[in-house]
PDB file of N, CA and C in Angstrom:
ATOM      1  N   MET A   1       9.848   1.302   1.434  1.00  0.00           N
ATOM      2  CA  MET A   1      10.237   0.706   0.156  1.00  0.00           C
ATOM      3  C   MET A   1       9.630  -0.689   0.069  1.00  0.00           C
ATOM      4  N   LYS A   2       9.039  -0.968  -1.040  1.00  0.00           N
ATOM      5  CA  LYS A   2       8.425  -2.283  -1.214  1.00  0.00           C
ATOM      6  C   LYS A   2       9.498  -3.350  -1.374  1.00  0.00           C
ATOM      7  N   GLU A   3       9.132  -4.584  -1.039  1.00  0.00           N
ATOM      8  CA  GLU A   3      10.078  -5.699  -1.058  1.00  0.00           C
ATOM      9  C   GLU A   3      10.791  -5.856  -2.403  1.00  0.00           C
ATOM     10  N   GLU A   4      10.079  -5.749  -3.497  1.00  0.00           N
ATOM     11  CA  GLU A   4      10.701  -5.925  -4.816  1.00  0.00           C
ATOM     12  C   GLU A   4      11.670  -4.797  -5.132  1.00  0.00           C
ATOM     13  N   LYS A   5      11.367  -3.578  -4.701  1.00  0.00           N
ATOM     14  CA  LYS A   5      12.284  -2.457  -4.906  1.00  0.00           C
ATOM     15  C   LYS A   5      13.572  -2.671  -4.111  1.00  0.00           C
ATOM     16  N   ILE A   6      13.443  -3.193  -2.916  1.00  0.00           N
ATOM     17  CA  ILE A   6      14.617  -3.481  -2.085  1.00  0.00           C
ATOM     18  C   ILE A   6      15.477  -4.536  -2.766  1.00  0.00           C
ATOM     19  N   ARG A   7      14.847  -5.629  -3.189  1.00  0.00           N
ATOM     20  CA  ARG A   7      15.576  -6.685  -3.893  1.00  0.00           C
ATOM     21  C   ARG A   7      16.296  -6.143  -5.119  1.00  0.00           C
ATOM     22  N   SER A   8      15.611  -5.332  -5.879  1.00  0.00           N
ATOM     23  CA  SER A   8      16.181  -4.760  -7.090  1.00  0.00           C
ATOM     24  C   SER A   8      17.395  -3.883  -6.763  1.00  0.00           C
ATOM     25  N   ALA A   9      17.275  -3.080  -5.728  1.00  0.00           N
ATOM     26  CA  ALA A   9      18.381  -2.204  -5.330  1.00  0.00           C
ATOM     27  C   ALA A   9      19.589  -3.018  -4.862  1.00  0.00           C
ATOM     28  N   VAL A  10      19.346  -4.064  -4.092  1.00  0.00           N
ATOM     29  CA  VAL A  10      20.435  -4.920  -3.605  1.00  0.00           C
ATOM     30  C   VAL A  10      21.094  -5.645  -4.772  1.00  0.00           C
ATOM     31  N   ARG A  11      20.298  -6.200  -5.660  1.00  0.00           N
ATOM     32  CA  ARG A  11      20.852  -6.896  -6.832  1.00  0.00           C
ATOM     33  C   ARG A  11      21.699  -5.952  -7.686  1.00  0.00           C
ATOM     34  N   LYS A  12      21.196  -4.758  -7.891  1.00  0.00           N
ATOM     35  CA  LYS A  12      21.924  -3.784  -8.704  1.00  0.00           C
ATOM     36  C   LYS A  12      23.254  -3.431  -8.048  1.00  0.00           C
ATOM     37  N   ARG A  13      23.239  -3.170  -6.753  1.00  0.00           N
ATOM     38  CA  ARG A  13      24.462  -2.791  -6.026  1.00  0.00           C
ATOM     39  C   ARG A  13      25.483  -3.919  -6.032  1.00  0.00           C
ATOM     40  N   TYR A  14      25.080  -5.125  -5.664  1.00  0.00           N
ATOM     41  CA  TYR A  14      26.019  -6.246  -5.609  1.00  0.00           C
ATOM     42  C   TYR A  14      26.424  -6.701  -7.009  1.00  0.00           C
ATOM     43  N   GLY A  15      25.547  -6.552  -7.977  1.00  0.00           N
ATOM     44  CA  GLY A  15      25.907  -6.859  -9.356  1.00  0.00           C
ATOM     45  C   GLY A  15      27.006  -5.944  -9.852  1.00  0.00           C
ATOM     46  N   LYS A  16      26.905  -4.661  -9.510  1.00  0.00           N
ATOM     47  CA  LYS A  16      27.933  -3.690  -9.886  1.00  0.00           C
ATOM     48  C   LYS A  16      29.258  -4.038  -9.220  1.00  0.00           C
ATOM     49  N   ILE A  17      29.214  -4.392  -7.950  1.00  0.00           N
ATOM     50  CA  ILE A  17      30.427  -4.758  -7.218  1.00  0.00           C
ATOM     51  C   ILE A  17      31.072  -5.993  -7.836  1.00  0.00           C
ATOM     52  N   ALA A  18      30.253  -6.987  -8.162  1.00  0.00           N
ATOM     53  CA  ALA A  18      30.776  -8.233  -8.722  1.00  0.00           C
ATOM     54  C   ALA A  18      31.440  -8.019 -10.079  1.00  0.00           C
ATOM     55  N   LYS A  19      31.027  -7.002 -10.795  1.00  0.00           N
ATOM     56  CA  LYS A  19      31.580  -6.742 -12.126  1.00  0.00           C
ATOM     57  C   LYS A  19      32.841  -5.882 -12.102  1.00  0.00           C
ATOM     58  N   THR A  20      33.142  -5.261 -10.978  1.00  0.00           N
ATOM     59  CA  THR A  20      34.345  -4.436 -10.885  1.00  0.00           C
ATOM     60  C   THR A  20      35.461  -5.216 -10.221  1.00  0.00           C
ATOM     61  N   GLN A  21      36.689  -4.811 -10.501  1.00  0.00           N
ATOM     62  CA  GLN A  21      37.847  -5.534  -9.958  1.00  0.00           C
ATOM     63  C   GLN A  21      38.045  -5.265  -8.477  1.00  0.00           C
ATOM     64  N   SER A  22      37.879  -4.027  -8.040  1.00  0.00           N
ATOM     65  CA  SER A  22      38.118  -3.734  -6.634  1.00  0.00           C
ATOM     66  C   SER A  22      36.978  -2.904  -6.073  1.00  0.00           C
ATOM     67  N   SER A  23      36.439  -3.383  -4.986  1.00  0.00           N
ATOM     68  CA  SER A  23      35.357  -2.701  -4.293  1.00  0.00           C
ATOM     69  C   SER A  23      35.516  -2.981  -2.816  1.00  0.00           C
ATOM     70  N   SER A  24      34.893  -2.191  -2.010  1.00  0.00           N
ATOM     71  CA  SER A  24      34.892  -2.468  -0.578  1.00  0.00           C
ATOM     72  C   SER A  24      33.747  -1.706   0.052  1.00  0.00           C
ATOM     73  N   CYS A  25      33.582  -1.941   1.327  1.00  0.00           N
ATOM     74  CA  CYS A  25      32.528  -1.229   2.043  1.00  0.00           C
ATOM     75  C   CYS A  25      32.960   0.194   2.341  1.00  0.00           C
ATOM     76  N   GLY A  26      34.214   0.502   2.065  1.00  0.00           N
ATOM     77  CA  GLY A  26      34.718   1.846   2.284  1.00  0.00           C
ATOM     78  C   GLY A  26      35.507   1.998   3.574  1.00  0.00           C
ATOM     79  N   CYS A  27      35.609   0.934   4.352  1.00  0.00           N
ATOM     80  CA  CYS A  27      36.289   1.068   5.639  1.00  0.00           C
ATOM     81  C   CYS A  27      37.789   0.842   5.550  1.00  0.00           C
ATOM     82  N   THR A  28      38.267   0.246   4.494  1.00  0.00           N
ATOM     83  CA  THR A  28      39.699  -0.019   4.371  1.00  0.00           C
ATOM     84  C   THR A  28      40.067  -0.280   2.922  1.00  0.00           C
ATOM     85  N   SER A  29      41.357  -0.252   2.643  1.00  0.00           N
ATOM     86  CA  SER A  29      41.774  -0.457   1.263  1.00  0.00           C
ATOM     87  C   SER A  29      42.281  -1.864   0.991  1.00  0.00           C
ATOM     88  N   THR A  30      42.747  -2.581   2.003  1.00  0.00           N
ATOM     89  CA  THR A  30      43.232  -3.934   1.754  1.00  0.00           C
ATOM     90  C   THR A  30      42.678  -4.917   2.775  1.00  0.00           C
ATOM     91  N   ARG A  31      42.590  -6.184   2.366  1.00  0.00           N
ATOM     92  CA  ARG A  31      42.056  -7.234   3.239  1.00  0.00           C
ATOM     93  C   ARG A  31      42.981  -7.483   4.426  1.00  0.00           C
ATOM     94  N   GLN A  32      44.278  -7.318   4.227  1.00  0.00           N
ATOM     95  CA  GLN A  32      45.214  -7.572   5.324  1.00  0.00           C
ATOM     96  C   GLN A  32      45.062  -6.541   6.437  1.00  0.00           C
ATOM     97  N   GLN A  33      44.628  -5.350   6.115  1.00  0.00           N
ATOM     98  CA  GLN A  33      44.415  -4.325   7.131  1.00  0.00           C
ATOM     99  C   GLN A  33      43.252  -4.676   8.053  1.00  0.00           C
ATOM    100  N   ILE A  34      42.350  -5.527   7.603  1.00  0.00           N
ATOM    101  CA  ILE A  34      41.201  -5.875   8.445  1.00  0.00           C
ATOM    102  C   ILE A  34      41.272  -7.295   8.991  1.00  0.00           C
ATOM    103  N   GLY A  35      42.462  -7.899   8.936  1.00  0.00           N
ATOM    104  CA  GLY A  35      42.654  -9.146   9.651  1.00  0.00           C
ATOM    105  C   GLY A  35      42.818 -10.427   8.867  1.00  0.00           C
ATOM    106  N   TYR A  36      42.871 -10.380   7.551  1.00  0.00           N
ATOM    107  CA  TYR A  36      43.089 -11.593   6.762  1.00  0.00           C
ATOM    108  C   TYR A  36      44.572 -11.720   6.444  1.00  0.00           C
ATOM    109  N   SER A  37      45.126 -12.900   6.631  1.00  0.00           N
ATOM    110  CA  SER A  37      46.535 -13.120   6.306  1.00  0.00           C
ATOM    111  C   SER A  37      46.680 -13.440   4.818  1.00  0.00           C
ATOM    112  N   LYS A  38      47.895 -13.276   4.305  1.00  0.00           N
ATOM    113  CA  LYS A  38      48.154 -13.641   2.904  1.00  0.00           C
ATOM    114  C   LYS A  38      47.843 -15.116   2.695  1.00  0.00           C
ATOM    115  N   GLY A  39      48.192 -15.956   3.667  1.00  0.00           N
ATOM    116  CA  GLY A  39      47.924 -17.387   3.567  1.00  0.00           C
ATOM    117  C   GLY A  39      46.446 -17.693   3.449  1.00  0.00           C
ATOM    118  N   GLU A  40      45.628 -17.013   4.254  1.00  0.00           N
ATOM    119  CA  GLU A  40      44.179 -17.214   4.181  1.00  0.00           C
ATOM    120  C   GLU A  40      43.650 -16.800   2.810  1.00  0.00           C
ATOM    121  N   LEU A  41      44.069 -15.643   2.345  1.00  0.00           N
ATOM    122  CA  LEU A  41      43.584 -15.134   1.065  1.00  0.00           C
ATOM    123  C   LEU A  41      44.024 -16.010  -0.100  1.00  0.00           C
ATOM    124  N   ASN A  42      45.210 -16.598   0.005  1.00  0.00           N
ATOM    125  CA  ASN A  42      45.711 -17.474  -1.061  1.00  0.00           C
ATOM    126  C   ASN A  42      45.093 -18.869  -1.010  1.00  0.00           C
ATOM    127  N   SER A  43      44.423 -19.205   0.093  1.00  0.00           N
ATOM    128  CA  SER A  43      43.891 -20.562   0.264  1.00  0.00           C
ATOM    129  C   SER A  43      42.468 -20.748  -0.246  1.00  0.00           C
ATOM    130  N   VAL A  44      41.822 -19.660  -0.652  1.00  0.00           N
ATOM    131  CA  VAL A  44      40.429 -19.753  -1.104  1.00  0.00           C
ATOM    132  C   VAL A  44      40.365 -19.676  -2.624  1.00  0.00           C
ATOM    133  N   PRO A  45      39.292 -20.201  -3.215  1.00  0.00           N
ATOM    134  CA  PRO A  45      39.162 -20.151  -4.680  1.00  0.00           C
ATOM    135  C   PRO A  45      39.126 -18.715  -5.202  1.00  0.00           C
ATOM    136  N   GLU A  46      39.619 -18.537  -6.394  1.00  0.00           N
ATOM    137  CA  GLU A  46      39.578 -17.226  -7.034  1.00  0.00           C
ATOM    138  C   GLU A  46      38.129 -16.755  -7.126  1.00  0.00           C
ATOM    139  N   GLY A  47      37.892 -15.519  -6.791  1.00  0.00           N
ATOM    140  CA  GLY A  47      36.546 -14.954  -6.835  1.00  0.00           C
ATOM    141  C   GLY A  47      35.803 -15.037  -5.513  1.00  0.00           C
ATOM    142  N   ALA A  48      36.367 -15.733  -4.532  1.00  0.00           N
ATOM    143  CA  ALA A  48      35.693 -15.858  -3.238  1.00  0.00           C
ATOM    144  C   ALA A  48      35.766 -14.570  -2.427  1.00  0.00           C
ATOM    145  N   ASP A  49      36.735 -13.722  -2.731  1.00  0.00           N
ATOM    146  CA  ASP A  49      36.894 -12.480  -1.990  1.00  0.00           C
ATOM    147  C   ASP A  49      36.435 -11.308  -2.840  1.00  0.00           C
ATOM    148  N   LEU A  50      35.252 -10.799  -2.553  1.00  0.00           N
ATOM    149  CA  LEU A  50      34.740  -9.630  -3.272  1.00  0.00           C
ATOM    150  C   LEU A  50      35.125  -8.331  -2.570  1.00  0.00           C
ATOM    151  N   ASN A  51      35.849  -8.442  -1.449  1.00  0.00           N
ATOM    152  CA  ASN A  51      36.301  -7.281  -0.684  1.00  0.00           C
ATOM    153  C   ASN A  51      35.123  -6.417  -0.232  1.00  0.00           C
ATOM    154  N   LEU A  52      34.107  -7.064   0.329  1.00  0.00           N
ATOM    155  CA  LEU A  52      32.909  -6.357   0.782  1.00  0.00           C
ATOM    156  C   LEU A  52      32.867  -6.155   2.290  1.00  0.00           C
ATOM    157  N   GLY A  53      33.638  -6.927   3.018  1.00  0.00           N
ATOM    158  CA  GLY A  53      33.523  -6.910   4.467  1.00  0.00           C
ATOM    159  C   GLY A  53      34.372  -5.874   5.160  1.00  0.00           C
ATOM    160  N   CYS A  54      34.205  -5.807   6.464  1.00  0.00           N
ATOM    161  CA  CYS A  54      34.955  -4.864   7.302  1.00  0.00           C
ATOM    162  C   CYS A  54      35.642  -5.574   8.453  1.00  0.00           C
ATOM    163  N   GLY A  55      35.986  -6.843   8.283  1.00  0.00           N
ATOM    164  CA  GLY A  55      36.659  -7.586   9.332  1.00  0.00           C
ATOM    165  C   GLY A  55      36.708  -9.057   9.009  1.00  0.00           C
ATOM    166  N   ASN A  56      37.440  -9.803   9.822  1.00  0.00           N
ATOM    167  CA  ASN A  56      37.600 -11.240   9.635  1.00  0.00           C
ATOM    168  C   ASN A  56      36.868 -11.965  10.762  1.00  0.00           C
ATOM    169  N   PRO A  57      35.590 -12.306  10.583  1.00  0.00           N
ATOM    170  CA  PRO A  57      34.831 -12.942  11.660  1.00  0.00           C
ATOM    171  C   PRO A  57      35.348 -14.322  12.039  1.00  0.00           C
ATOM    172  N   VAL A  58      35.973 -15.020  11.108  1.00  0.00           N
ATOM    173  CA  VAL A  58      36.495 -16.363  11.400  1.00  0.00           C
ATOM    174  C   VAL A  58      37.625 -16.273  12.416  1.00  0.00           C
ATOM    175  N   ALA A  59      38.440 -15.240  12.315  1.00  0.00           N
ATOM    176  CA  ALA A  59      39.548 -15.058  13.262  1.00  0.00           C
ATOM    177  C   ALA A  59      39.036 -14.798  14.675  1.00  0.00           C
ATOM    178  N   LEU A  60      37.852 -14.231  14.791  1.00  0.00           N
ATOM    179  CA  LEU A  60      37.282 -13.883  16.095  1.00  0.00           C
ATOM    180  C   LEU A  60      36.350 -14.950  16.664  1.00  0.00           C
ATOM    181  N   ALA A  61      35.990 -15.936  15.851  1.00  0.00           N
ATOM    182  CA  ALA A  61      34.920 -16.863  16.217  1.00  0.00           C
ATOM    183  C   ALA A  61      35.332 -18.002  17.144  1.00  0.00           C
ATOM    184  N   SER A  62      36.600 -18.245  17.335  1.00  0.00           N
ATOM    185  CA  SER A  62      37.072 -19.365  18.171  1.00  0.00           C
ATOM    186  C   SER A  62      36.443 -20.687  17.731  1.00  0.00           C
ATOM    187  N   LEU A  63      36.458 -20.926  16.434  1.00  0.00           N
ATOM    188  CA  LEU A  63      35.891 -22.166  15.894  1.00  0.00           C
ATOM    189  C   LEU A  63      36.718 -23.362  16.330  1.00  0.00           C
ATOM    190  N   ARG A  64      36.016 -24.460  16.570  1.00  0.00           N
ATOM    191  CA  ARG A  64      36.690 -25.707  16.937  1.00  0.00           C
ATOM    192  C   ARG A  64      36.444 -26.757  15.872  1.00  0.00           C
ATOM    193  N   GLU A  65      37.385 -27.645  15.757  1.00  0.00           N
ATOM    194  CA  GLU A  65      37.281 -28.728  14.789  1.00  0.00           C
ATOM    195  C   GLU A  65      35.980 -29.494  14.999  1.00  0.00           C
ATOM    196  N   GLY A  66      35.276 -29.732  13.889  1.00  0.00           N
ATOM    197  CA  GLY A  66      34.041 -30.494  13.940  1.00  0.00           C
ATOM    198  C   GLY A  66      32.777 -29.670  14.015  1.00  0.00           C
ATOM    199  N   GLU A  67      32.906 -28.360  14.240  1.00  0.00           N
ATOM    200  CA  GLU A  67      31.719 -27.516  14.326  1.00  0.00           C
ATOM    201  C   GLU A  67      31.133 -27.254  12.939  1.00  0.00           C
ATOM    202  N   THR A  68      29.832 -27.055  12.895  1.00  0.00           N
ATOM    203  CA  THR A  68      29.144 -26.674  11.667  1.00  0.00           C
ATOM    204  C   THR A  68      29.004 -25.157  11.661  1.00  0.00           C
ATOM    205  N   VAL A  69      29.268 -24.544  10.517  1.00  0.00           N
ATOM    206  CA  VAL A  69      29.251 -23.089  10.407  1.00  0.00           C
ATOM    207  C   VAL A  69      28.197 -22.669   9.390  1.00  0.00           C
ATOM    208  N   ILE A  70      27.456 -21.617   9.721  1.00  0.00           N
ATOM    209  CA  ILE A  70      26.495 -21.031   8.783  1.00  0.00           C
ATOM    210  C   ILE A  70      26.919 -19.591   8.552  1.00  0.00           C
ATOM    211  N   ASP A  71      27.179 -19.238   7.298  1.00  0.00           N
ATOM    212  CA  ASP A  71      27.593 -17.895   6.913  1.00  0.00           C
ATOM    213  C   ASP A  71      26.373 -17.161   6.370  1.00  0.00           C
ATOM    214  N   LEU A  72      25.924 -16.140   7.068  1.00  0.00           N
ATOM    215  CA  LEU A  72      24.739 -15.395   6.655  1.00  0.00           C
ATOM    216  C   LEU A  72      25.100 -14.121   5.896  1.00  0.00           C
ATOM    217  N   GLY A  73      26.341 -13.993   5.506  1.00  0.00           N
ATOM    218  CA  GLY A  73      26.798 -12.784   4.840  1.00  0.00           C
ATOM    219  C   GLY A  73      26.555 -12.776   3.349  1.00  0.00           C
ATOM    220  N   SER A  74      26.910 -11.661   2.755  1.00  0.00           N
ATOM    221  CA  SER A  74      26.845 -11.493   1.311  1.00  0.00           C
ATOM    222  C   SER A  74      28.262 -11.576   0.765  1.00  0.00           C
ATOM    223  N   GLY A  75      28.380 -11.873  -0.490  1.00  0.00           N
ATOM    224  CA  GLY A  75      29.710 -11.896  -1.088  1.00  0.00           C
ATOM    225  C   GLY A  75      30.003 -13.211  -1.759  1.00  0.00           C
ATOM    226  N   GLY A  76      31.277 -13.463  -1.941  1.00  0.00           N
ATOM    227  CA  GLY A  76      31.732 -14.628  -2.698  1.00  0.00           C
ATOM    228  C   GLY A  76      32.046 -15.847  -1.864  1.00  0.00           C
ATOM    229  N   GLY A  77      31.886 -15.776  -0.559  1.00  0.00           N
ATOM    230  CA  GLY A  77      32.090 -16.945   0.282  1.00  0.00           C
ATOM    231  C   GLY A  77      33.431 -17.023   0.980  1.00  0.00           C
ATOM    232  N   LEU A  78      34.200 -15.931   1.009  1.00  0.00           N
ATOM    233  CA  LEU A  78      35.514 -15.931   1.636  1.00  0.00           C
ATOM    234  C   LEU A  78      35.470 -16.506   3.052  1.00  0.00           C
ATOM    235  N   ASP A  79      34.616 -15.963   3.891  1.00  0.00           N
ATOM    236  CA  ASP A  79      34.551 -16.413   5.286  1.00  0.00           C
ATOM    237  C   ASP A  79      34.044 -17.836   5.405  1.00  0.00           C
ATOM    238  N   CYS A  80      33.173 -18.242   4.517  1.00  0.00           N
ATOM    239  CA  CYS A  80      32.648 -19.596   4.522  1.00  0.00           C
ATOM    240  C   CYS A  80      33.773 -20.607   4.228  1.00  0.00           C
ATOM    241  N   PHE A  81      34.610 -20.302   3.230  1.00  0.00           N
ATOM    242  CA  PHE A  81      35.727 -21.193   2.912  1.00  0.00           C
ATOM    243  C   PHE A  81      36.717 -21.273   4.077  1.00  0.00           C
ATOM    244  N   LEU A  82      37.005 -20.141   4.695  1.00  0.00           N
ATOM    245  CA  LEU A  82      37.942 -20.134   5.817  1.00  0.00           C
ATOM    246  C   LEU A  82      37.370 -20.881   7.023  1.00  0.00           C
ATOM    247  N   ALA A  83      36.077 -20.715   7.271  1.00  0.00           N
ATOM    248  CA  ALA A  83      35.440 -21.408   8.392  1.00  0.00           C
ATOM    249  C   ALA A  83      35.443 -22.915   8.169  1.00  0.00           C
ATOM    250  N   ALA A  84      35.220 -23.349   6.935  1.00  0.00           N
ATOM    251  CA  ALA A  84      35.225 -24.784   6.631  1.00  0.00           C
ATOM    252  C   ALA A  84      36.595 -25.385   6.913  1.00  0.00           C
ATOM    253  N   LYS A  85      37.643 -24.635   6.654  1.00  0.00           N
ATOM    254  CA  LYS A  85      38.995 -25.129   6.923  1.00  0.00           C
ATOM    255  C   LYS A  85      39.259 -25.217   8.423  1.00  0.00           C
ATOM    256  N   LYS A  86      38.765 -24.238   9.178  1.00  0.00           N
ATOM    257  CA  LYS A  86      38.971 -24.247  10.631  1.00  0.00           C
ATOM    258  C   LYS A  86      38.213 -25.383  11.310  1.00  0.00           C
ATOM    259  N   SER A  87      37.038 -25.700  10.803  1.00  0.00           N
ATOM    260  CA  SER A  87      36.224 -26.766  11.400  1.00  0.00           C
ATOM    261  C   SER A  87      36.372 -28.038  10.567  1.00  0.00           C
ATOM    262  N   ARG A  88      37.573 -28.290  10.095  1.00  0.00           N
ATOM    263  CA  ARG A  88      37.869 -29.283   9.053  1.00  0.00           C
ATOM    264  C   ARG A  88      37.391 -30.702   9.318  1.00  0.00           C
ATOM    265  N   LEU A  89      37.240 -31.112  10.541  1.00  0.00           N
ATOM    266  CA  LEU A  89      36.787 -32.465  10.822  1.00  0.00           C
ATOM    267  C   LEU A  89      35.394 -32.697  10.242  1.00  0.00           C
ATOM    268  N   ASN A  90      34.521 -31.723  10.422  1.00  0.00           N
ATOM    269  CA  ASN A  90      33.137 -31.817   9.949  1.00  0.00           C
ATOM    270  C   ASN A  90      33.032 -31.390   8.480  1.00  0.00           C
ATOM    271  N   ARG A  91      33.810 -30.399   8.092  1.00  0.00           N
ATOM    272  CA  ARG A  91      33.824 -29.842   6.733  1.00  0.00           C
ATOM    273  C   ARG A  91      32.449 -29.363   6.282  1.00  0.00           C
ATOM    274  N   GLU A  92      31.618 -28.967   7.204  1.00  0.00           N
ATOM    275  CA  GLU A  92      30.319 -28.418   6.833  1.00  0.00           C
ATOM    276  C   GLU A  92      30.321 -26.914   7.049  1.00  0.00           C
ATOM    277  N   SER A  93      29.998 -26.191   6.033  1.00  0.00           N
ATOM    278  CA  SER A  93      29.921 -24.759   6.081  1.00  0.00           C
ATOM    279  C   SER A  93      28.866 -24.353   5.072  1.00  0.00           C
ATOM    280  N   TYR A  94      27.902 -23.582   5.502  1.00  0.00           N
ATOM    281  CA  TYR A  94      26.760 -23.253   4.648  1.00  0.00           C
ATOM    282  C   TYR A  94      26.678 -21.748   4.441  1.00  0.00           C
ATOM    283  N   ARG A  95      26.266 -21.348   3.241  1.00  0.00           N
ATOM    284  CA  ARG A  95      26.015 -19.938   2.950  1.00  0.00           C
ATOM    285  C   ARG A  95      24.533 -19.772   2.690  1.00  0.00           C
ATOM    286  N   SER A  96      24.014 -18.649   3.114  1.00  0.00           N
ATOM    287  CA  SER A  96      22.599 -18.366   2.826  1.00  0.00           C
ATOM    288  C   SER A  96      22.493 -17.380   1.705  1.00  0.00           C
TER     289      SER A  96
END
């Protein structure tokens, strides 16, 4: 598949997900089942959780205060917001 066809397919898929109310990768029905607490989900801006993931990497990362975090995932930034809170001294968290 040529690069532009790949980009087009990814844009179409994620665009469709972004326009629907509930979507997921198919591995679970709720965020709490894959490791996010109600407190975590309530602490991020509306729209940050597109329900695309299959786990909570921030819970597993053993982040320490002051660390810089780079989020290479797709989605609305849920994990990026949570990581920024965990490494709150530095408050640096980047999405690609």
